[in-house]
Amino acid sequence: MKKVLLGIALVLILGLGILSKNPIVICDNDLPEEYMEAIESQAEGLYSRKLPLVPVCVNVTSFDDETVYYTIYYFPLGTVGMSYKKNDGYNMEKSLTRF
């Protein structure tokens, strides 16, 4: 039983490590490649050193007037609303909240 629990914990840790470097991006909009690359590079890694939240998924909600709006889902339990504009950079639209 301990080996099974240890195996599950190991798979979970490895999976979260992989996701922290490359979170899943869900995008139903026709988004230019440079915007996708900017979102992926900003979303990778832990939320902060004080809050070790791992980005699992990024959901692009809309793209208008050269601004893309997206939500980053962090493990365990948290989201951040963000926007990105090519000339303006990143903006936090909604601070860290629980689901």
Protein backbone atom coordinates (compact mmCIF):
# COMPACT_ATOMS: atom_id res chain seq x y z
CA MET A 1 0.00 0.00 0.00
CA LYS A 2 2.84 2.40 0.84
CA LYS A 3 4.47 1.71 -2.53
CA VAL A 4 1.23 2.55 -4.33
CA LEU A 5 0.85 5.82 -2.43
CA LEU A 6 4.49 6.66 -3.04
CA GLY A 7 4.02 5.92 -6.75
CA ILE A 8 0.93 8.14 -6.96
CA ALA A 9 2.76 10.96 -5.15
CA LEU A 10 5.73 10.62 -7.49
CA VAL A 11 3.51 10.74 -10.60
CA LEU A 12 1.70 13.80 -9.22
CA ILE A 13 4.97 15.62 -8.49
CA LEU A 14 6.40 14.78 -11.92
CA GLY A 15 3.17 15.82 -13.64
CA LEU A 16 3.06 19.14 -11.81
CA GLY A 17 6.73 19.73 -12.62
CA ILE A 18 6.06 19.21 -16.32
CA LEU A 19 2.94 21.40 -16.24
CA SER A 20 4.76 24.22 -14.45
CA LYS A 21 7.12 24.51 -17.43
CA ASN A 22 4.45 23.98 -20.08
CA PRO A 23 0.85 24.59 -18.91
CA ILE A 24 -2.01 23.49 -21.13
CA VAL A 25 -3.30 26.40 -23.23
CA ILE A 26 -6.94 26.36 -24.32
CA CYS A 27 -7.72 28.86 -27.07
CA ASP A 28 -10.84 28.93 -29.25
CA ASN A 29 -9.87 32.28 -30.81
CA ASP A 30 -7.70 32.86 -33.87
CA LEU A 31 -4.72 34.22 -31.97
CA PRO A 32 -1.47 35.36 -33.63
CA GLU A 33 1.55 33.18 -32.79
CA GLU A 34 3.44 35.99 -31.03
CA TYR A 35 0.53 36.41 -28.58
CA MET A 36 0.48 32.66 -27.88
CA GLU A 37 4.21 32.68 -27.22
CA ALA A 38 3.88 35.67 -24.88
CA ILE A 39 1.10 33.98 -22.90
CA GLU A 40 3.00 30.69 -22.64
CA SER A 41 6.21 32.39 -21.47
CA GLN A 42 4.38 34.47 -18.86
CA ALA A 43 2.31 31.58 -17.50
CA GLU A 44 5.15 29.12 -16.89
CA GLY A 45 6.76 28.63 -13.50
CA LEU A 46 5.46 29.00 -9.96
CA TYR A 47 3.12 31.85 -9.02
CA SER A 48 5.67 33.21 -6.54
CA ARG A 49 8.31 32.01 -4.10
CA LYS A 50 5.97 32.65 -1.18
CA LEU A 51 3.01 30.92 -2.85
CA PRO A 52 4.22 27.79 -4.65
CA LEU A 53 1.22 27.48 -6.95
CA VAL A 54 1.76 25.56 -10.19
CA PRO A 55 0.12 26.76 -13.42
CA VAL A 56 -1.88 23.89 -14.85
CA CYS A 57 -4.05 25.47 -17.53
CA VAL A 58 -4.42 28.77 -19.37
CA ASN A 59 -7.81 29.60 -20.87
CA VAL A 60 -7.82 32.37 -23.49
CA THR A 61 -11.23 34.01 -23.12
CA SER A 62 -11.14 36.77 -25.74
CA PHE A 63 -9.02 38.69 -28.21
CA ASP A 64 -10.01 42.17 -29.36
CA ASP A 65 -8.23 45.35 -30.46
CA GLU A 66 -4.81 43.72 -30.05
CA THR A 67 -5.52 42.76 -26.42
CA VAL A 68 -5.87 39.15 -25.34
CA TYR A 69 -7.63 38.25 -22.08
CA TYR A 70 -6.90 34.95 -20.35
CA THR A 71 -7.23 33.12 -17.05
CA ILE A 72 -4.43 31.09 -15.49
CA TYR A 73 -5.53 28.14 -13.33
CA TYR A 74 -3.08 27.24 -10.57
CA PHE A 75 -2.77 24.04 -8.54
CA PRO A 76 -3.99 23.80 -5.83
CA LEU A 77 -7.05 25.97 -6.28
CA GLY A 78 -6.47 29.44 -7.61
CA THR A 79 -6.97 31.61 -10.69
CA VAL A 80 -5.56 34.87 -11.97
CA GLY A 81 -7.17 36.99 -14.68
CA MET A 82 -4.60 38.48 -17.06
CA SER A 83 -4.42 40.51 -20.24
CA TYR A 84 -1.64 41.06 -22.73
CA LYS A 85 -1.24 43.80 -25.31
CA LYS A 86 1.73 43.88 -27.64
CA ASN A 87 2.64 47.52 -26.96
CA ASP A 88 1.54 47.59 -23.30
CA GLY A 89 2.71 44.22 -21.96
CA TYR A 90 1.00 42.18 -19.24
CA ASN A 91 -1.68 43.40 -16.85
CA MET A 92 -3.33 41.60 -13.97
CA GLU A 93 -7.07 42.06 -14.44
CA LYS A 94 -8.15 39.93 -11.49
CA SER A 95 -5.82 39.03 -8.64
CA LEU A 96 -5.37 35.55 -7.25
CA THR A 97 -8.68 34.06 -6.14
CA ARG A 98 -9.99 30.62 -5.34
CA PHE A 99 -12.02 28.81 -8.02
